Amino acid sequence: MLDETRIDKLPSELLSTGVFADEHGGFIAGDIAASSVDQALQYWSAKSMLYASMRTLTDLDAAIEQLQANREIVRAQCADLADECAAQQVSGLDTAHENEWQHLTSVLAVNGRKSEMSVSQQLGTAQQRCNELPLTMQAWQDRQIHLGHLMAIERAAETITVESRGEFEAEALPKAAGRTPQQLAPIARRLARKFECASLQKNHAEAFKERAVWVTPADHGMATLNITTSAVLVDAMLDRLRRAYRN
């Protein structure tokens, strides 16, 4: 038994627990004051159990997150295989795809006790994520990010062209390290705006190459003037032509 009356010289058993005497005759366990050694020891016992439970919960969350990532990839595979089955059929592609998709969603809905609409949405989301954000999906499966990070990147990427999303992912994923999904979201949005502007400029440059002017002959000495250029220039030309016609 520990001698609670000798607070001037605590036995080694007490020191090993992290419980110390204060100048008022009480006891301190970490940052918590206790009125007796037993109370302090009970605190440490509960605290150690709490930390053990927290570690278990963290491990369970990680395992569940891994299963969720794997499930998302398998969902995408199911959707891709249904598309492939439809493509191999002799009947029209639209009809074949509808039949394959209906069969897939019906079976999964019955087995999973879910609605077909819910299953269809889950399959579509998984397929889109794997096709449009493969780097992010791989990072999720590798436990580098959580589902919340994936959703933050996914929302930010909505305004970016498919061609630019690979570069966007490569820049956004390192930003997730050490950050919560809420902290990552505004950073991902800022990155997305940069790629959105770059995509817009690229599209304008590509469209600029398609400029053309040509005349299509018509009956009775008439013709149609065709112009392909920027909308601003077309509006200006149309305005000048109308004014010239009125004059």
Protein backbone atom coordinates (compact mmCIF):
# COMPACT_ATOMS: atom_id res chain seq x y z
CA MET A 1 0.00 0.00 0.00
CA LEU A 2 1.13 3.54 -0.70
CA ASP A 3 1.56 5.77 2.31
CA GLU A 4 -0.68 8.78 1.57
CA THR A 5 0.46 10.54 4.78
CA ARG A 6 4.09 10.87 3.62
CA ILE A 7 3.72 13.50 0.90
CA ASP A 8 7.17 14.91 1.60
CA LYS A 9 8.79 11.75 0.21
CA LEU A 10 6.75 9.84 -2.31
CA PRO A 11 7.56 6.15 -2.90
CA SER A 12 8.98 5.08 -6.28
CA GLU A 13 5.71 3.31 -7.19
CA LEU A 14 3.88 6.63 -7.08
CA LEU A 15 6.54 8.51 -9.04
CA SER A 16 6.35 5.97 -11.87
CA THR A 17 2.65 6.73 -12.39
CA GLY A 18 3.19 10.41 -13.09
CA VAL A 19 1.33 11.42 -9.90
CA PHE A 20 3.07 14.09 -7.79
CA ALA A 21 2.34 15.85 -4.50
CA ASP A 22 1.70 19.59 -4.48
CA GLU A 23 2.53 22.12 -1.75
CA HIS A 24 -1.02 22.03 -0.41
CA GLY A 25 -1.01 18.35 0.44
CA GLY A 26 -2.94 17.30 -2.65
CA PHE A 27 -1.84 15.40 -5.71
CA ILE A 28 -1.31 16.31 -9.35
CA ALA A 29 -1.77 13.92 -12.26
CA GLY A 30 -0.61 15.73 -15.39
CA ASP A 31 -2.62 18.97 -15.53
CA ILE A 32 -5.33 17.62 -13.23
CA ALA A 33 -5.42 18.14 -9.47
CA ALA A 34 -6.65 15.26 -7.30
CA SER A 35 -7.50 15.01 -3.61
CA SER A 36 -5.95 11.56 -3.14
CA VAL A 37 -3.55 9.13 -4.72
CA ASP A 38 -6.40 6.77 -5.55
CA GLN A 39 -8.26 9.50 -7.39
CA ALA A 40 -5.13 10.46 -9.30
CA LEU A 41 -4.47 6.83 -10.24
CA GLN A 42 -8.07 6.42 -11.36
CA TYR A 43 -7.64 9.47 -13.56
CA TRP A 44 -4.52 8.04 -15.20
CA SER A 45 -6.21 4.69 -15.66
CA ALA A 46 -9.17 6.33 -17.41
CA LYS A 47 -6.81 8.53 -19.42
CA SER A 48 -4.78 5.57 -20.67
CA MET A 49 -7.99 3.75 -21.64
CA LEU A 50 -9.15 6.89 -23.47
CA TYR A 51 -5.94 7.08 -25.50
CA ALA A 52 -6.17 3.37 -26.30
CA SER A 53 -9.76 3.85 -27.49
CA MET A 54 -8.72 6.86 -29.56
CA ARG A 55 -6.00 4.80 -31.26
CA THR A 56 -8.50 2.02 -31.96
CA LEU A 57 -10.99 4.52 -33.39
CA THR A 58 -8.30 6.06 -35.60
CA ASP A 59 -7.33 2.62 -36.92
CA LEU A 60 -10.99 1.76 -37.58
CA ASP A 61 -11.55 5.05 -39.42
CA ALA A 62 -8.48 4.38 -41.59
CA ALA A 63 -9.67 0.86 -42.38
CA ILE A 64 -13.17 2.09 -43.26
CA GLU A 65 -11.69 4.86 -45.43
CA GLN A 66 -9.64 2.24 -47.27
CA LEU A 67 -12.74 0.12 -47.85
CA GLN A 68 -14.66 3.16 -49.12
CA ALA A 69 -11.89 3.97 -51.61
CA ASN A 70 -11.77 0.37 -52.82
CA ARG A 71 -15.56 0.30 -53.12
CA GLU A 72 -15.54 3.45 -55.24
CA ILE A 73 -13.02 1.93 -57.62
CA VAL A 74 -15.00 -1.31 -57.90
CA ARG A 75 -18.15 0.71 -58.59
CA ALA A 76 -16.36 2.47 -61.42
CA GLN A 77 -15.18 -0.87 -62.77
CA CYS A 78 -18.76 -2.18 -62.75
CA ALA A 79 -19.94 0.87 -64.67
CA ASP A 80 -17.11 0.56 -67.21
CA LEU A 81 -17.80 -3.14 -67.72
CA ALA A 82 -21.50 -2.46 -68.24
CA ASP A 83 -20.54 0.06 -70.94
CA GLU A 84 -18.24 -2.52 -72.54
CA CYS A 85 -20.97 -5.17 -72.51
CA ALA A 86 -23.32 -2.72 -74.22
CA ALA A 87 -20.71 -1.92 -76.87
CA GLN A 88 -20.34 -5.59 -77.77
CA GLN A 89 -24.03 -6.08 -78.55
CA VAL A 90 -25.55 -6.05 -82.03
CA SER A 91 -28.53 -3.90 -81.03
CA GLY A 92 -28.37 -0.11 -80.89
CA LEU A 93 -25.83 1.25 -78.41
CA ASP A 94 -28.34 3.42 -76.55
CA THR A 95 -30.77 0.54 -76.05
CA ALA A 96 -28.00 -1.90 -75.13
CA HIS A 97 -26.50 0.55 -72.63
CA GLU A 98 -29.87 1.20 -71.05
CA ASN A 99 -30.52 -2.54 -70.70
CA GLU A 100 -27.08 -3.28 -69.22
CA TRP A 101 -27.31 -0.35 -66.83
CA GLN A 102 -30.80 -1.34 -65.73
CA HIS A 103 -29.66 -4.90 -65.06
CA LEU A 104 -26.60 -3.70 -63.12
CA THR A 105 -28.49 -1.24 -60.94
CA SER A 106 -31.36 -3.66 -60.30
CA VAL A 107 -29.10 -6.47 -59.09
CA LEU A 108 -27.02 -4.18 -56.88
CA ALA A 109 -30.12 -2.48 -55.48
CA VAL A 110 -31.71 -5.80 -54.51
CA ASN A 111 -28.51 -7.22 -53.03
CA GLY A 112 -27.68 -4.01 -51.18
CA ARG A 113 -31.28 -3.22 -50.18
CA LYS A 114 -31.06 0.21 -51.77
CA SER A 115 -33.08 2.13 -54.31
CA GLU A 116 -32.08 1.78 -57.96
CA MET A 117 -31.76 5.56 -58.24
CA SER A 118 -29.29 5.65 -55.35
CA VAL A 119 -27.23 2.83 -56.85
CA SER A 120 -27.24 4.50 -60.28
CA GLN A 121 -26.02 7.79 -58.81
CA GLN A 122 -23.26 6.04 -56.86
CA LEU A 123 -22.07 4.16 -59.94
CA GLY A 124 -22.11 7.31 -62.07
CA THR A 125 -20.22 9.35 -59.48
CA ALA A 126 -17.58 6.65 -59.06
CA GLN A 127 -17.09 6.29 -62.81
CA GLN A 128 -16.77 10.04 -63.26
CA ARG A 129 -14.28 10.37 -60.41
CA CYS A 130 -12.05 7.58 -61.72
CA ASN A 131 -12.15 8.92 -65.28
CA GLU A 132 -11.70 12.61 -64.50
CA LEU A 133 -9.61 12.57 -61.29
CA PRO A 134 -7.46 9.42 -61.46
CA LEU A 135 -4.57 10.87 -59.44
CA THR A 136 -6.88 11.94 -56.64
CA MET A 137 -8.60 8.57 -56.58
CA GLN A 138 -5.23 6.81 -56.39
CA ALA A 139 -4.14 9.08 -53.53
CA TRP A 140 -7.37 8.23 -51.69
CA GLN A 141 -6.81 4.52 -52.17
CA ASP A 142 -3.20 4.89 -50.96
CA ARG A 143 -4.43 6.61 -47.75
CA GLN A 144 -2.66 9.84 -48.62
CA ILE A 145 -5.93 11.80 -48.43
CA HIS A 146 -9.42 11.30 -47.05
CA LEU A 147 -12.80 11.42 -48.77
CA GLY A 148 -13.23 15.03 -47.66
CA HIS A 149 -10.04 16.04 -49.50
CA LEU A 150 -11.25 14.24 -52.62
CA MET A 151 -14.56 16.09 -52.51
CA ALA A 152 -12.80 19.45 -52.06
CA ILE A 153 -10.63 18.80 -55.12
CA GLU A 154 -13.62 17.44 -57.03
CA ARG A 155 -15.73 20.56 -56.42
CA ALA A 156 -12.88 22.87 -57.38
CA ALA A 157 -12.24 20.94 -60.60
CA GLU A 158 -15.81 21.36 -61.87
CA THR A 159 -14.94 24.55 -63.78
CA ILE A 160 -11.75 23.15 -65.34
CA THR A 161 -11.59 21.41 -68.70
CA VAL A 162 -10.88 17.69 -68.67
CA GLU A 163 -7.55 18.31 -70.41
CA SER A 164 -6.33 20.56 -67.57
CA ARG A 165 -7.46 18.42 -64.65
CA GLY A 166 -4.33 16.26 -64.59
CA GLU A 167 -2.12 19.31 -64.02
CA PHE A 168 -4.59 20.67 -61.50
CA GLU A 169 -4.57 17.40 -59.54
CA ALA A 170 -0.77 17.32 -59.52
CA GLU A 171 -0.68 20.77 -57.91
CA ALA A 172 -3.66 20.35 -55.58
CA LEU A 173 -2.80 16.98 -54.03
CA PRO A 174 0.44 18.09 -52.28
CA LYS A 175 -1.54 20.93 -50.68
CA ALA A 176 -3.66 18.34 -48.84
CA ALA A 177 -0.73 17.20 -46.71
CA GLY A 178 -1.22 18.35 -43.12
CA ARG A 179 -4.48 20.13 -43.95
CA THR A 180 -8.11 19.31 -43.22
CA PRO A 181 -10.60 19.19 -46.11
CA GLN A 182 -11.97 22.57 -44.94
CA GLN A 183 -8.48 24.08 -45.11
CA LEU A 184 -7.80 22.54 -48.51
CA ALA A 185 -11.04 23.72 -50.15
CA PRO A 186 -10.16 27.45 -50.60
CA ILE A 187 -6.65 26.55 -51.77
CA ALA A 188 -8.05 24.14 -54.36
CA ARG A 189 -10.50 26.81 -55.55
CA ARG A 190 -7.66 29.31 -56.05
CA LEU A 191 -5.69 26.76 -58.04
CA ALA A 192 -8.77 25.96 -60.10
CA ARG A 193 -9.23 29.62 -61.03
CA LYS A 194 -5.69 29.69 -62.37
CA PHE A 195 -6.30 26.65 -64.56
CA GLU A 196 -9.71 27.99 -65.56
CA CYS A 197 -8.13 31.16 -66.92
CA ALA A 198 -5.43 29.15 -68.69
CA SER A 199 -8.06 26.89 -70.24
CA LEU A 200 -10.09 29.89 -71.38
CA GLN A 201 -7.06 31.50 -72.99
CA LYS A 202 -6.15 28.23 -74.69
CA ASN A 203 -9.68 27.84 -76.01
CA HIS A 204 -9.63 31.38 -77.34
CA ALA A 205 -6.31 30.74 -79.06
CA GLU A 206 -7.61 27.55 -80.66
CA ALA A 207 -10.82 29.26 -81.75
CA PHE A 208 -8.83 32.19 -83.18
CA LYS A 209 -7.21 29.78 -85.66
CA GLU A 210 -10.65 28.95 -87.04
CA ARG A 211 -11.35 32.49 -88.26
CA ALA A 212 -12.76 32.54 -91.77
CA VAL A 213 -14.80 34.59 -94.24
CA TRP A 214 -16.56 33.06 -97.23
CA VAL A 215 -19.48 33.70 -99.56
CA THR A 216 -22.28 31.25 -100.30
CA PRO A 217 -23.98 31.96 -103.67
CA ALA A 218 -27.79 32.18 -103.72
CA ASP A 219 -30.46 32.49 -106.41
CA HIS A 220 -31.38 35.66 -108.31
CA GLY A 221 -27.98 37.30 -107.98
CA MET A 222 -27.97 37.10 -104.19
CA ALA A 223 -25.30 35.70 -101.87
CA THR A 224 -24.72 35.03 -98.19
CA LEU A 225 -21.68 36.44 -96.40
CA ASN A 226 -20.35 34.02 -93.76
CA ILE A 227 -17.94 35.16 -91.06
CA THR A 228 -16.40 33.10 -88.27
CA THR A 229 -14.51 35.19 -85.72
CA SER A 230 -14.86 36.45 -82.15
CA ALA A 231 -18.33 37.41 -80.96
CA VAL A 232 -17.20 40.97 -80.26
CA LEU A 233 -16.00 41.48 -83.83
CA VAL A 234 -19.12 39.88 -85.29
CA ASP A 235 -21.34 42.23 -83.28
CA ALA A 236 -19.31 45.22 -84.46
CA MET A 237 -19.46 44.09 -88.11
CA LEU A 238 -23.18 43.45 -87.92
CA ASP A 239 -23.76 46.89 -86.47
CA ARG A 240 -21.78 48.58 -89.26
CA LEU A 241 -23.53 46.55 -91.97
CA ARG A 242 -26.95 47.45 -90.58
CA ARG A 243 -26.06 51.14 -90.47
CA ALA A 244 -24.72 50.96 -94.03
CA TYR A 245 -27.91 49.19 -95.16
CA ARG A 246 -30.11 51.86 -93.59
CA ASN A 247 -28.11 54.66 -95.21
